[in-house]
PDB file of all heavy atoms in Angstrom:
ATOM      1  N   ALA A   1     -41.492  -5.605  -5.163  1.00  0.00           N
ATOM      2  CA  ALA A   1     -41.977  -4.875  -6.343  1.00  0.00           C
ATOM      3  C   ALA A   1     -43.089  -3.894  -5.954  1.00  0.00           C
ATOM      4  O   ALA A   1     -43.101  -2.744  -6.418  1.00  0.00           O
ATOM      5  CB  ALA A   1     -42.477  -5.874  -7.397  1.00  0.00           C
ATOM      6  N   GLU A   2     -43.995  -4.334  -5.106  1.00  0.00           N
ATOM      7  CA  GLU A   2     -45.104  -3.462  -4.662  1.00  0.00           C
ATOM      8  C   GLU A   2     -44.555  -2.235  -3.952  1.00  0.00           C
ATOM      9  O   GLU A   2     -45.054  -1.122  -4.160  1.00  0.00           O
ATOM     10  CB  GLU A   2     -46.023  -4.237  -3.707  1.00  0.00           C
ATOM     11  CG  GLU A   2     -46.886  -5.288  -4.384  1.00  0.00           C
ATOM     12  CD  GLU A   2     -47.651  -6.111  -3.372  1.00  0.00           C
ATOM     13  OE1 GLU A   2     -47.715  -5.703  -2.190  1.00  0.00           O
ATOM     14  OE2 GLU A   2     -48.169  -7.191  -3.750  1.00  0.00           O
ATOM     15  N   ARG A   3     -43.519  -2.402  -3.131  1.00  0.00           N
ATOM     16  CA  ARG A   3     -42.954  -1.293  -2.383  1.00  0.00           C
ATOM     17  C   ARG A   3     -42.371  -0.229  -3.310  1.00  0.00           C
ATOM     18  O   ARG A   3     -42.277   0.942  -2.953  1.00  0.00           O
ATOM     19  CB  ARG A   3     -41.832  -1.788  -1.436  1.00  0.00           C
ATOM     20  CG  ARG A   3     -42.336  -2.551  -0.219  1.00  0.00           C
ATOM     21  CD  ARG A   3     -41.163  -3.199   0.500  1.00  0.00           C
ATOM     22  NE  ARG A   3     -41.591  -3.916   1.694  1.00  0.00           N
ATOM     23  CZ  ARG A   3     -41.502  -3.441   2.937  1.00  0.00           C
ATOM     24  NH1 ARG A   3     -41.015  -2.226   3.135  1.00  0.00           N
ATOM     25  NH2 ARG A   3     -41.910  -4.144   3.970  1.00  0.00           N
ATOM     26  N   HIS A   4     -41.939  -0.655  -4.524  1.00  0.00           N
ATOM     27  CA  HIS A   4     -41.296   0.248  -5.441  1.00  0.00           C
ATOM     28  C   HIS A   4     -42.132   0.545  -6.681  1.00  0.00           C
ATOM     29  O   HIS A   4     -41.608   0.980  -7.720  1.00  0.00           O
ATOM     30  CB  HIS A   4     -39.924  -0.320  -5.834  1.00  0.00           C
ATOM     31  CG  HIS A   4     -38.948  -0.326  -4.693  1.00  0.00           C
ATOM     32  ND1 HIS A   4     -38.207   0.777  -4.346  1.00  0.00           N
ATOM     33  CD2 HIS A   4     -38.647  -1.294  -3.798  1.00  0.00           C
ATOM     34  CE1 HIS A   4     -37.455   0.500  -3.294  1.00  0.00           C
ATOM     35  NE2 HIS A   4     -37.701  -0.752  -2.939  1.00  0.00           N
ATOM     36  N   ASN A   5     -43.430   0.297  -6.564  1.00  0.00           N
ATOM     37  CA  ASN A   5     -44.384   0.584  -7.659  1.00  0.00           C
ATOM     38  C   ASN A   5     -43.991  -0.118  -8.953  1.00  0.00           C
ATOM     39  O   ASN A   5     -44.156   0.423 -10.052  1.00  0.00           O
ATOM     40  CB  ASN A   5     -44.467   2.110  -7.888  1.00  0.00           C
ATOM     41  CG  ASN A   5     -45.040   2.822  -6.688  1.00  0.00           C
ATOM     42  OD1 ASN A   5     -46.037   2.393  -6.097  1.00  0.00           O
ATOM     43  ND2 ASN A   5     -44.407   3.925  -6.313  1.00  0.00           N
ATOM     44  N   LEU A   6     -43.443  -1.327  -8.807  1.00  0.00           N
ATOM     45  CA  LEU A   6     -43.164  -2.180  -9.962  1.00  0.00           C
ATOM     46  C   LEU A   6     -44.285  -3.188 -10.091  1.00  0.00           C
ATOM     47  O   LEU A   6     -44.869  -3.613  -9.089  1.00  0.00           O
ATOM     48  CB  LEU A   6     -41.824  -2.903  -9.774  1.00  0.00           C
ATOM     49  CG  LEU A   6     -40.591  -2.024  -9.574  1.00  0.00           C
ATOM     50  CD1 LEU A   6     -39.382  -2.866  -9.177  1.00  0.00           C
ATOM     51  CD2 LEU A   6     -40.289  -1.200 -10.814  1.00  0.00           C
ATOM     52  N   ARG A   7     -44.603  -3.586 -11.294  1.00  0.00           N
ATOM     53  CA  ARG A   7     -45.672  -4.537 -11.532  1.00  0.00           C
ATOM     54  C   ARG A   7     -45.115  -5.950 -11.659  1.00  0.00           C
ATOM     55  O   ARG A   7     -44.064  -6.144 -12.265  1.00  0.00           O
ATOM     56  CB  ARG A   7     -46.462  -4.173 -12.788  1.00  0.00           C
ATOM     57  CG  ARG A   7     -47.014  -2.763 -12.772  1.00  0.00           C
ATOM     58  CD  ARG A   7     -47.798  -2.436 -14.044  1.00  0.00           C
ATOM     59  NE  ARG A   7     -47.048  -2.677 -15.271  1.00  0.00           N
ATOM     60  CZ  ARG A   7     -46.134  -1.864 -15.736  1.00  0.00           C
ATOM     61  NH1 ARG A   7     -45.820  -0.758 -15.093  1.00  0.00           N
ATOM     62  NH2 ARG A   7     -45.498  -2.135 -16.877  1.00  0.00           N
ATOM     63  N   THR A   8     -45.841  -6.918 -11.137  1.00  0.00           N
ATOM     64  CA  THR A   8     -45.421  -8.324 -11.273  1.00  0.00           C
ATOM     65  C   THR A   8     -46.454  -9.121 -12.030  1.00  0.00           C
ATOM     66  O   THR A   8     -47.653  -8.819 -12.009  1.00  0.00           O
ATOM     67  CB  THR A   8     -45.165  -8.976  -9.909  1.00  0.00           C
ATOM     68  OG1 THR A   8     -46.375  -8.928  -9.142  1.00  0.00           O
ATOM     69  CG2 THR A   8     -44.054  -8.288  -9.163  1.00  0.00           C
ATOM     70  N   GLU A   9     -45.978 -10.179 -12.674  1.00  0.00           N
ATOM     71  CA  GLU A   9     -46.830 -11.056 -13.467  1.00  0.00           C
ATOM     72  C   GLU A   9     -46.232 -12.461 -13.386  1.00  0.00           C
ATOM     73  O   GLU A   9     -45.033 -12.639 -13.600  1.00  0.00           O
ATOM     74  CB  GLU A   9     -46.840 -10.550 -14.912  1.00  0.00           C
ATOM     75  CG  GLU A   9     -47.503 -11.479 -15.905  1.00  0.00           C
ATOM     76  CD  GLU A   9     -47.255 -11.022 -17.340  1.00  0.00           C
ATOM     77  OE1 GLU A   9     -46.436 -10.114 -17.571  1.00  0.00           O
ATOM     78  OE2 GLU A   9     -47.854 -11.643 -18.250  1.00  0.00           O
ATOM     79  N   ILE A  10     -47.058 -13.438 -13.032  1.00  0.00           N
ATOM     80  CA  ILE A  10     -46.573 -14.814 -13.053  1.00  0.00           C
ATOM     81  C   ILE A  10     -46.557 -15.291 -14.484  1.00  0.00           C
ATOM     82  O   ILE A  10     -47.584 -15.359 -15.141  1.00  0.00           O
ATOM     83  CB  ILE A  10     -47.441 -15.724 -12.160  1.00  0.00           C
ATOM     84  CG1 ILE A  10     -47.281 -15.345 -10.684  1.00  0.00           C
ATOM     85  CG2 ILE A  10     -47.044 -17.202 -12.361  1.00  0.00           C
ATOM     86  CD1 ILE A  10     -48.035 -16.226  -9.708  1.00  0.00           C
ATOM     87  N   MET A  11     -45.372 -15.639 -14.953  1.00  0.00           N
ATOM     88  CA  MET A  11     -45.196 -16.079 -16.327  1.00  0.00           C
ATOM     89  C   MET A  11     -45.510 -17.556 -16.482  1.00  0.00           C
ATOM     90  O   MET A  11     -46.162 -18.000 -17.431  1.00  0.00           O
ATOM     91  CB  MET A  11     -43.767 -15.804 -16.792  1.00  0.00           C
ATOM     92  CG  MET A  11     -43.347 -14.351 -16.683  1.00  0.00           C
ATOM     93  SD  MET A  11     -44.124 -13.375 -17.970  1.00  0.00           S
ATOM     94  CE  MET A  11     -43.220 -13.946 -19.391  1.00  0.00           C
ATOM     95  N   SER A  12     -44.982 -18.360 -15.555  1.00  0.00           N
ATOM     96  CA  SER A  12     -45.243 -19.800 -15.562  1.00  0.00           C
ATOM     97  C   SER A  12     -44.986 -20.313 -14.149  1.00  0.00           C
ATOM     98  O   SER A  12     -44.256 -19.694 -13.357  1.00  0.00           O
ATOM     99  CB  SER A  12     -44.324 -20.539 -16.558  1.00  0.00           C
ATOM    100  OG  SER A  12     -42.973 -20.511 -16.118  1.00  0.00           O
ATOM    101  N   SER A  13     -45.615 -21.422 -13.809  1.00  0.00           N
ATOM    102  CA  SER A  13     -45.422 -21.974 -12.478  1.00  0.00           C
ATOM    103  C   SER A  13     -45.755 -23.464 -12.464  1.00  0.00           C
ATOM    104  O   SER A  13     -46.535 -23.955 -13.274  1.00  0.00           O
ATOM    105  CB  SER A  13     -46.319 -21.247 -11.440  1.00  0.00           C
ATOM    106  OG  SER A  13     -47.688 -21.462 -11.747  1.00  0.00           O
ATOM    107  N   SER A  14     -45.098 -24.161 -11.565  1.00  0.00           N
ATOM    108  CA  SER A  14     -45.371 -25.566 -11.303  1.00  0.00           C
ATOM    109  C   SER A  14     -45.501 -25.702  -9.796  1.00  0.00           C
ATOM    110  O   SER A  14     -44.526 -25.704  -9.064  1.00  0.00           O
ATOM    111  CB  SER A  14     -44.220 -26.443 -11.832  1.00  0.00           C
ATOM    112  OG  SER A  14     -44.451 -27.813 -11.511  1.00  0.00           O
ATOM    113  N   GLU A  15     -46.774 -25.764  -9.346  1.00  0.00           N
ATOM    114  CA  GLU A  15     -47.027 -25.809  -7.917  1.00  0.00           C
ATOM    115  C   GLU A  15     -46.636 -27.161  -7.330  1.00  0.00           C
ATOM    116  O   GLU A  15     -46.745 -28.192  -7.994  1.00  0.00           O
ATOM    117  CB  GLU A  15     -48.510 -25.512  -7.626  1.00  0.00           C
ATOM    118  CG  GLU A  15     -48.922 -24.114  -8.039  1.00  0.00           C
ATOM    119  CD  GLU A  15     -50.387 -23.822  -7.709  1.00  0.00           C
ATOM    120  OE1 GLU A  15     -51.002 -24.673  -7.028  1.00  0.00           O
ATOM    121  OE2 GLU A  15     -50.884 -22.765  -8.146  1.00  0.00           O
ATOM    122  N   ALA A  16     -46.173 -27.122  -6.082  1.00  0.00           N
ATOM    123  CA  ALA A  16     -45.797 -28.357  -5.385  1.00  0.00           C
ATOM    124  C   ALA A  16     -46.961 -28.815  -4.496  1.00  0.00           C
ATOM    125  O   ALA A  16     -47.724 -27.980  -3.972  1.00  0.00           O
ATOM    126  CB  ALA A  16     -44.554 -28.109  -4.537  1.00  0.00           C
ATOM    127  N   GLU A  17     -47.106 -30.098  -4.307  1.00  0.00           N
ATOM    128  CA  GLU A  17     -48.229 -30.647  -3.528  1.00  0.00           C
ATOM    129  C   GLU A  17     -48.218 -30.154  -2.089  1.00  0.00           C
ATOM    130  O   GLU A  17     -49.256 -29.891  -1.493  1.00  0.00           O
ATOM    131  CB  GLU A  17     -48.183 -32.166  -3.545  1.00  0.00           C
ATOM    132  CG  GLU A  17     -48.559 -32.761  -4.910  1.00  0.00           C
ATOM    133  CD  GLU A  17     -48.660 -34.284  -4.849  1.00  0.00           C
ATOM    134  OE1 GLU A  17     -49.420 -34.795  -3.997  1.00  0.00           O
ATOM    135  OE2 GLU A  17     -47.976 -34.967  -5.648  1.00  0.00           O
ATOM    136  N   ALA A  18     -47.024 -30.010  -1.501  1.00  0.00           N
ATOM    137  CA  ALA A  18     -46.926 -29.600  -0.086  1.00  0.00           C
ATOM    138  C   ALA A  18     -46.973 -28.095   0.081  1.00  0.00           C
ATOM    139  O   ALA A  18     -46.955 -27.579   1.200  1.00  0.00           O
ATOM    140  CB  ALA A  18     -45.636 -30.149   0.515  1.00  0.00           C
ATOM    141  N   GLY A  19     -47.099 -27.355  -1.036  1.00  0.00           N
ATOM    142  CA  GLY A  19     -47.105 -25.899  -0.987  1.00  0.00           C
ATOM    143  C   GLY A  19     -45.887 -25.319  -1.684  1.00  0.00           C
ATOM    144  O   GLY A  19     -44.894 -26.010  -1.914  1.00  0.00           O
ATOM    145  N   GLY A  20     -45.982 -24.068  -2.057  1.00  0.00           N
ATOM    146  CA  GLY A  20     -44.884 -23.440  -2.752  1.00  0.00           C
ATOM    147  C   GLY A  20     -44.827 -23.862  -4.204  1.00  0.00           C
ATOM    148  O   GLY A  20     -45.833 -24.276  -4.805  1.00  0.00           O
ATOM    149  N   PHE A  21     -43.635 -23.787  -4.748  1.00  0.00           N
ATOM    150  CA  PHE A  21     -43.477 -24.093  -6.181  1.00  0.00           C
ATOM    151  C   PHE A  21     -42.252 -24.995  -6.423  1.00  0.00           C
ATOM    152  O   PHE A  21     -41.210 -24.811  -5.790  1.00  0.00           O
ATOM    153  CB  PHE A  21     -43.243 -22.795  -6.983  1.00  0.00           C
ATOM    154  CG  PHE A  21     -44.375 -21.831  -6.947  1.00  0.00           C
ATOM    155  CD1 PHE A  21     -44.337 -20.744  -6.084  1.00  0.00           C
ATOM    156  CD2 PHE A  21     -45.484 -22.002  -7.768  1.00  0.00           C
ATOM    157  CE1 PHE A  21     -45.378 -19.827  -6.053  1.00  0.00           C
ATOM    158  CE2 PHE A  21     -46.527 -21.099  -7.752  1.00  0.00           C
ATOM    159  CZ  PHE A  21     -46.497 -20.009  -6.886  1.00  0.00           C
ATOM    160  N   LYS A  22     -42.419 -25.927  -7.328  1.00  0.00           N
ATOM    161  CA  LYS A  22     -41.241 -26.633  -7.830  1.00  0.00           C
ATOM    162  C   LYS A  22     -40.425 -25.621  -8.633  1.00  0.00           C
ATOM    163  O   LYS A  22     -39.211 -25.575  -8.531  1.00  0.00           O
ATOM    164  CB  LYS A  22     -41.640 -27.797  -8.726  1.00  0.00           C
ATOM    165  CG  LYS A  22     -42.371 -28.920  -7.995  1.00  0.00           C
ATOM    166  CD  LYS A  22     -42.797 -29.977  -8.978  1.00  0.00           C
ATOM    167  CE  LYS A  22     -43.606 -31.070  -8.270  1.00  0.00           C
ATOM    168  NZ  LYS A  22     -44.124 -32.084  -9.235  1.00  0.00           N
ATOM    169  N   GLU A  23     -41.112 -24.814  -9.398  1.00  0.00           N
ATOM    170  CA  GLU A  23     -40.480 -23.693 -10.102  1.00  0.00           C
ATOM    171  C   GLU A  23     -41.533 -22.655 -10.453  1.00  0.00           C
ATOM    172  O   GLU A  23     -42.693 -22.979 -10.679  1.00  0.00           O
ATOM    173  CB  GLU A  23     -39.726 -24.148 -11.342  1.00  0.00           C
ATOM    174  CG  GLU A  23     -40.586 -24.833 -12.400  1.00  0.00           C
ATOM    175  CD  GLU A  23     -39.746 -25.260 -13.588  1.00  0.00           C
ATOM    176  OE1 GLU A  23     -39.123 -26.321 -13.510  1.00  0.00           O
ATOM    177  OE2 GLU A  23     -39.752 -24.522 -14.593  1.00  0.00           O
ATOM    178  N   VAL A  24     -41.096 -21.400 -10.507  1.00  0.00           N
ATOM    179  CA  VAL A  24     -42.005 -20.307 -10.851  1.00  0.00           C
ATOM    180  C   VAL A  24     -41.210 -19.210 -11.537  1.00  0.00           C
ATOM    181  O   VAL A  24     -40.039 -18.964 -11.162  1.00  0.00           O
ATOM    182  CB  VAL A  24     -42.737 -19.759  -9.598  1.00  0.00           C
ATOM    183  CG1 VAL A  24     -41.750 -19.270  -8.545  1.00  0.00           C
ATOM    184  CG2 VAL A  24     -43.723 -18.661  -9.975  1.00  0.00           C
ATOM    185  N   ALA A  25     -41.793 -18.609 -12.554  1.00  0.00           N
ATOM    186  CA  ALA A  25     -41.161 -17.495 -13.254  1.00  0.00           C
ATOM    187  C   ALA A  25     -42.026 -16.250 -13.082  1.00  0.00           C
ATOM    188  O   ALA A  25     -43.213 -16.256 -13.370  1.00  0.00           O
ATOM    189  CB  ALA A  25     -40.966 -17.805 -14.731  1.00  0.00           C
ATOM    190  N   LEU A  26     -41.399 -15.179 -12.591  1.00  0.00           N
ATOM    191  CA  LEU A  26     -42.091 -13.906 -12.381  1.00  0.00           C
ATOM    192  C   LEU A  26     -41.523 -12.855 -13.319  1.00  0.00           C
ATOM    193  O   LEU A  26     -40.291 -12.774 -13.503  1.00  0.00           O
ATOM    194  CB  LEU A  26     -41.890 -13.392 -10.961  1.00  0.00           C
ATOM    195  CG  LEU A  26     -42.386 -14.206  -9.781  1.00  0.00           C
ATOM    196  CD1 LEU A  26     -41.881 -13.556  -8.475  1.00  0.00           C
ATOM    197  CD2 LEU A  26     -43.900 -14.263  -9.778  1.00  0.00           C
ATOM    198  N   ALA A  27     -42.371 -12.062 -13.916  1.00  0.00           N
ATOM    199  CA  ALA A  27     -41.914 -10.882 -14.663  1.00  0.00           C
ATOM    200  C   ALA A  27     -42.126  -9.686 -13.741  1.00  0.00           C
ATOM    201  O   ALA A  27     -43.173  -9.544 -13.113  1.00  0.00           O
ATOM    202  CB  ALA A  27     -42.712 -10.706 -15.947  1.00  0.00           C
TER     203      ALA A  27
END
C-alpha cells in the first residue's frame, strides 16, 4: 500500500502470544 500511495488502517486484530496475529483486518 505504501508503494502505491494507498492508506492502511488496522480495523481489528487479535495478537498471538508468540508474535503475529491470530487474525487481523486491514482497511
